[in-house]
Each structure stands twice: as structure tokens, then as C-alpha cells.
Amino acid sequence: MSPRHAALVFVLLLAFCAVCRPASAQEDYRAVLDGKAGIFPGAAFKKIFRFPKATVVTFETGEPPAAITAYYKKDLTARGWSVQVDDVGKQAAYLLLTKAGRTCIVEAQRGLPGRTGFSVSL
């Protein structure tokens, strides 16, 4: 991932955190992803954020970012999504897919030692 791309992702992530609201505690992330995207094996659910035109589900795992985007690349292409960007680095990975005018973004980033936070935006 280029420094410019990483800076853009960081700015977008900050904006995302500043303007979004967490979903109610009762909302089930499985229902949000049902039929649209799989759930990375062993991932721990963190939060759901809803926007007028998108929903973001966040998770944490011990796997590296590359493993997360590889999983979603396989899962989502099997569901008819087309990969537009597949950018993988040692500390972060970014996957952008499209389908019927919709966009799906999977972002994964190393955080605490041995932990990776990631989001699936639909």
C-alpha cells in the first residue's frame, strides 16, 4: 500500500469514527452479513456502525491482515462480487469489491501485538 493510499485510509477511518453511531447492543452482526458476506473464522465481533448508504461491521482476530482479505476475496467473489482493488502489506490490507452498483470494502490493520482489527463495509 502506498503512503498516499495509507494516509487516505487513515483519514477515512478517522472520519468514520467521528461521524458514525454504534448500532444497538441487541443487533446481531450475523443478520447484517447474512447472505452478503461470510464471517472470518475465529473473529471476535466488536461493533456495527450504520450509515445512510452503508453498514460497517468490525471484528478482531489474531490472524494477519493478508489472511483476512484472502478469506473475503474468496468468499465474496463466490457470491458474485468483482475485485477492484486488492492491496496487501505486512501491517495492513485493503480489498475493494463491486456488485450491481454496490461497493464492499474490507480493511484489516495490525494493532496490538498479535492482534488485527478489521472491518467489512457493505
C-alpha atoms as a PDB file:
ATOM      1  CA  MET A   1       0.000   0.000   0.000  1.00  0.00           C
ATOM      2  CA  SER A   2       1.449   3.352  -0.990  1.00  0.00           C
ATOM      3  CA  PRO A   3       1.972   6.004   1.717  1.00  0.00           C
ATOM      4  CA  ARG A   4      -0.620   8.196  -0.004  1.00  0.00           C
ATOM      5  CA  HIS A   5      -3.176   5.366  -0.032  1.00  0.00           C
ATOM      6  CA  ALA A   6      -2.448   4.536   3.616  1.00  0.00           C
ATOM      7  CA  ALA A   7      -2.885   8.196   4.595  1.00  0.00           C
ATOM      8  CA  LEU A   8      -6.223   8.320   2.779  1.00  0.00           C
ATOM      9  CA  VAL A   9      -7.409   5.143   4.507  1.00  0.00           C
ATOM     10  CA  PHE A  10      -6.334   6.577   7.876  1.00  0.00           C
ATOM     11  CA  VAL A  11      -8.200   9.862   7.278  1.00  0.00           C
ATOM     12  CA  LEU A  12     -11.312   7.987   6.157  1.00  0.00           C
ATOM     13  CA  LEU A  13     -11.123   5.759   9.227  1.00  0.00           C
ATOM     14  CA  LEU A  14     -10.892   8.814  11.500  1.00  0.00           C
ATOM     15  CA  ALA A  15     -13.860  10.428   9.766  1.00  0.00           C
ATOM     16  CA  PHE A  16     -15.754   7.148  10.043  1.00  0.00           C
ATOM     17  CA  CYS A  17     -15.152   7.021  13.809  1.00  0.00           C
ATOM     18  CA  ALA A  18     -16.147  10.661  14.250  1.00  0.00           C
ATOM     19  CA  VAL A  19     -19.493  10.577  12.440  1.00  0.00           C
ATOM     20  CA  CYS A  20     -20.882   7.102  12.846  1.00  0.00           C
ATOM     21  CA  ARG A  21     -23.008   5.763  15.613  1.00  0.00           C
ATOM     22  CA  PRO A  22     -22.824   2.284  17.077  1.00  0.00           C
ATOM     23  CA  ALA A  23     -25.816   0.050  16.485  1.00  0.00           C
ATOM     24  CA  SER A  24     -27.963  -1.057  19.391  1.00  0.00           C
ATOM     25  CA  ALA A  25     -26.475  -3.731  21.635  1.00  0.00           C
ATOM     26  CA  GLN A  26     -29.259  -6.114  20.626  1.00  0.00           C
ATOM     27  CA  GLU A  27     -28.390  -6.023  16.912  1.00  0.00           C
ATOM     28  CA  ASP A  28     -26.916  -9.252  15.636  1.00  0.00           C
ATOM     29  CA  TYR A  29     -23.950  -8.855  13.277  1.00  0.00           C
ATOM     30  CA  ARG A  30     -24.743 -12.229  11.703  1.00  0.00           C
ATOM     31  CA  ALA A  31     -28.062 -10.835  10.465  1.00  0.00           C
ATOM     32  CA  VAL A  32     -26.265  -7.841   8.933  1.00  0.00           C
ATOM     33  CA  LEU A  33     -23.854 -10.075   6.982  1.00  0.00           C
ATOM     34  CA  ASP A  34     -26.344 -12.896   6.274  1.00  0.00           C
ATOM     35  CA  GLY A  35     -26.218 -13.811   2.611  1.00  0.00           C
ATOM     36  CA  LYS A  36     -23.920 -10.890   1.809  1.00  0.00           C
ATOM     37  CA  ALA A  37     -20.554 -11.860   3.340  1.00  0.00           C
ATOM     38  CA  GLY A  38     -19.121 -14.642   5.457  1.00  0.00           C
ATOM     39  CA  ILE A  39     -17.691 -14.312   8.946  1.00  0.00           C
ATOM     40  CA  PHE A  40     -13.948 -14.791   9.228  1.00  0.00           C
ATOM     41  CA  PRO A  41     -13.321 -17.970  11.300  1.00  0.00           C
ATOM     42  CA  GLY A  42     -12.414 -17.194  14.902  1.00  0.00           C
ATOM     43  CA  ALA A  43     -13.049 -13.444  14.589  1.00  0.00           C
ATOM     44  CA  ALA A  44     -14.368 -11.629  17.661  1.00  0.00           C
ATOM     45  CA  PHE A  45     -17.205  -9.210  16.874  1.00  0.00           C
ATOM     46  CA  LYS A  46     -16.661  -5.614  18.073  1.00  0.00           C
ATOM     47  CA  LYS A  47     -19.260  -3.135  16.743  1.00  0.00           C
ATOM     48  CA  ILE A  48     -21.716  -2.331  13.989  1.00  0.00           C
ATOM     49  CA  PHE A  49     -21.893   1.156  12.520  1.00  0.00           C
ATOM     50  CA  ARG A  50     -24.818   2.224  10.316  1.00  0.00           C
ATOM     51  CA  PHE A  51     -24.737   4.982   7.728  1.00  0.00           C
ATOM     52  CA  PRO A  52     -27.496   6.081   5.341  1.00  0.00           C
ATOM     53  CA  LYS A  53     -25.994   4.040   2.476  1.00  0.00           C
ATOM     54  CA  ALA A  54     -23.706   1.503   4.171  1.00  0.00           C
ATOM     55  CA  THR A  55     -23.227  -0.695   7.213  1.00  0.00           C
ATOM     56  CA  VAL A  56     -19.811  -1.448   8.732  1.00  0.00           C
ATOM     57  CA  VAL A  57     -19.175  -4.475  10.933  1.00  0.00           C
ATOM     58  CA  THR A  58     -15.905  -4.526  12.908  1.00  0.00           C
ATOM     59  CA  PHE A  59     -14.023  -7.518  14.285  1.00  0.00           C
ATOM     60  CA  GLU A  60     -10.705  -8.520  15.844  1.00  0.00           C
ATOM     61  CA  THR A  61      -8.588 -11.619  15.312  1.00  0.00           C
ATOM     62  CA  GLY A  62      -5.071 -12.946  15.802  1.00  0.00           C
ATOM     63  CA  GLU A  63      -4.607 -13.631  12.089  1.00  0.00           C
ATOM     64  CA  PRO A  64      -2.525 -11.384   9.813  1.00  0.00           C
ATOM     65  CA  PRO A  65      -4.242  -8.828   7.543  1.00  0.00           C
ATOM     66  CA  ALA A  66      -3.382 -10.818   4.397  1.00  0.00           C
ATOM     67  CA  ALA A  67      -5.291 -13.861   5.675  1.00  0.00           C
ATOM     68  CA  ILE A  68      -8.392 -11.761   6.289  1.00  0.00           C
ATOM     69  CA  THR A  69      -8.527 -10.199   2.830  1.00  0.00           C
ATOM     70  CA  ALA A  70      -7.714 -13.561   1.202  1.00  0.00           C
ATOM     71  CA  TYR A  71     -10.699 -15.096   3.008  1.00  0.00           C
ATOM     72  CA  TYR A  72     -13.058 -12.303   1.955  1.00  0.00           C
ATOM     73  CA  LYS A  73     -11.732 -12.251  -1.603  1.00  0.00           C
ATOM     74  CA  LYS A  74     -12.615 -15.947  -1.961  1.00  0.00           C
ATOM     75  CA  ASP A  75     -15.932 -15.612  -0.094  1.00  0.00           C
ATOM     76  CA  LEU A  76     -17.192 -12.520  -1.874  1.00  0.00           C
ATOM     77  CA  THR A  77     -16.134 -13.485  -5.400  1.00  0.00           C
ATOM     78  CA  ALA A  78     -18.067 -16.738  -4.879  1.00  0.00           C
ATOM     79  CA  ARG A  79     -21.086 -14.512  -4.109  1.00  0.00           C
ATOM     80  CA  GLY A  80     -20.699 -12.628  -7.392  1.00  0.00           C
ATOM     81  CA  TRP A  81     -18.606  -9.645  -6.281  1.00  0.00           C
ATOM     82  CA  SER A  82     -15.772  -8.395  -8.554  1.00  0.00           C
ATOM     83  CA  VAL A  83     -12.411  -7.381  -7.085  1.00  0.00           C
ATOM     84  CA  GLN A  84     -11.398  -3.829  -7.993  1.00  0.00           C
ATOM     85  CA  VAL A  85      -8.510  -3.344  -5.515  1.00  0.00           C
ATOM     86  CA  ASP A  86      -6.549  -5.998  -3.616  1.00  0.00           C
ATOM     87  CA  ASP A  87      -3.723  -4.259  -1.775  1.00  0.00           C
ATOM     88  CA  VAL A  88      -1.795  -6.254   0.825  1.00  0.00           C
ATOM     89  CA  GLY A  89       1.106  -5.181   3.009  1.00  0.00           C
ATOM     90  CA  LYS A  90       2.714  -6.666   6.100  1.00  0.00           C
ATOM     91  CA  GLN A  91       0.782  -4.474   8.563  1.00  0.00           C
ATOM     92  CA  ALA A  92      -2.406  -3.731   6.617  1.00  0.00           C
ATOM     93  CA  ALA A  93      -4.584  -4.978   3.772  1.00  0.00           C
ATOM     94  CA  TYR A  94      -7.339  -3.366   1.722  1.00  0.00           C
ATOM     95  CA  LEU A  95      -9.895  -5.088  -0.502  1.00  0.00           C
ATOM     96  CA  LEU A  96     -12.474  -3.246  -2.619  1.00  0.00           C
ATOM     97  CA  LEU A  97     -15.171  -5.139  -4.491  1.00  0.00           C
ATOM     98  CA  THR A  98     -18.250  -4.163  -6.508  1.00  0.00           C
ATOM     99  CA  LYS A  99     -21.502  -5.873  -7.430  1.00  0.00           C
ATOM    100  CA  ALA A 100     -24.579  -4.429  -9.149  1.00  0.00           C
ATOM    101  CA  GLY A 101     -23.671  -0.832  -8.299  1.00  0.00           C
ATOM    102  CA  ARG A 102     -22.779  -1.610  -4.677  1.00  0.00           C
ATOM    103  CA  THR A 103     -19.361  -1.447  -3.026  1.00  0.00           C
ATOM    104  CA  CYS A 104     -17.853  -3.707  -0.377  1.00  0.00           C
ATOM    105  CA  ILE A 105     -14.667  -2.703   1.435  1.00  0.00           C
ATOM    106  CA  VAL A 106     -12.641  -4.971   3.707  1.00  0.00           C
ATOM    107  CA  GLU A 107      -9.858  -3.257   5.669  1.00  0.00           C
ATOM    108  CA  ALA A 108      -7.509  -5.033   8.073  1.00  0.00           C
ATOM    109  CA  GLN A 109      -4.780  -3.498  10.195  1.00  0.00           C
ATOM    110  CA  ARG A 110      -2.367  -4.816  12.804  1.00  0.00           C
ATOM    111  CA  GLY A 111      -2.860  -3.164  16.172  1.00  0.00           C
ATOM    112  CA  LEU A 112      -1.802  -4.576  19.497  1.00  0.00           C
ATOM    113  CA  PRO A 113       0.913  -7.239  19.270  1.00  0.00           C
ATOM    114  CA  GLY A 114      -0.583 -10.316  17.673  1.00  0.00           C
ATOM    115  CA  ARG A 115      -3.992  -8.689  17.061  1.00  0.00           C
ATOM    116  CA  THR A 116      -5.617  -7.451  13.851  1.00  0.00           C
ATOM    117  CA  GLY A 117      -8.675  -5.242  13.703  1.00  0.00           C
ATOM    118  CA  PHE A 118     -10.762  -5.413  10.558  1.00  0.00           C
ATOM    119  CA  SER A 119     -13.988  -4.131   9.101  1.00  0.00           C
ATOM    120  CA  VAL A 120     -16.413  -5.293   6.447  1.00  0.00           C
ATOM    121  CA  SER A 121     -18.338  -2.396   4.874  1.00  0.00           C
ATOM    122  CA  LEU A 122     -21.409  -3.169   2.812  1.00  0.00           C
END
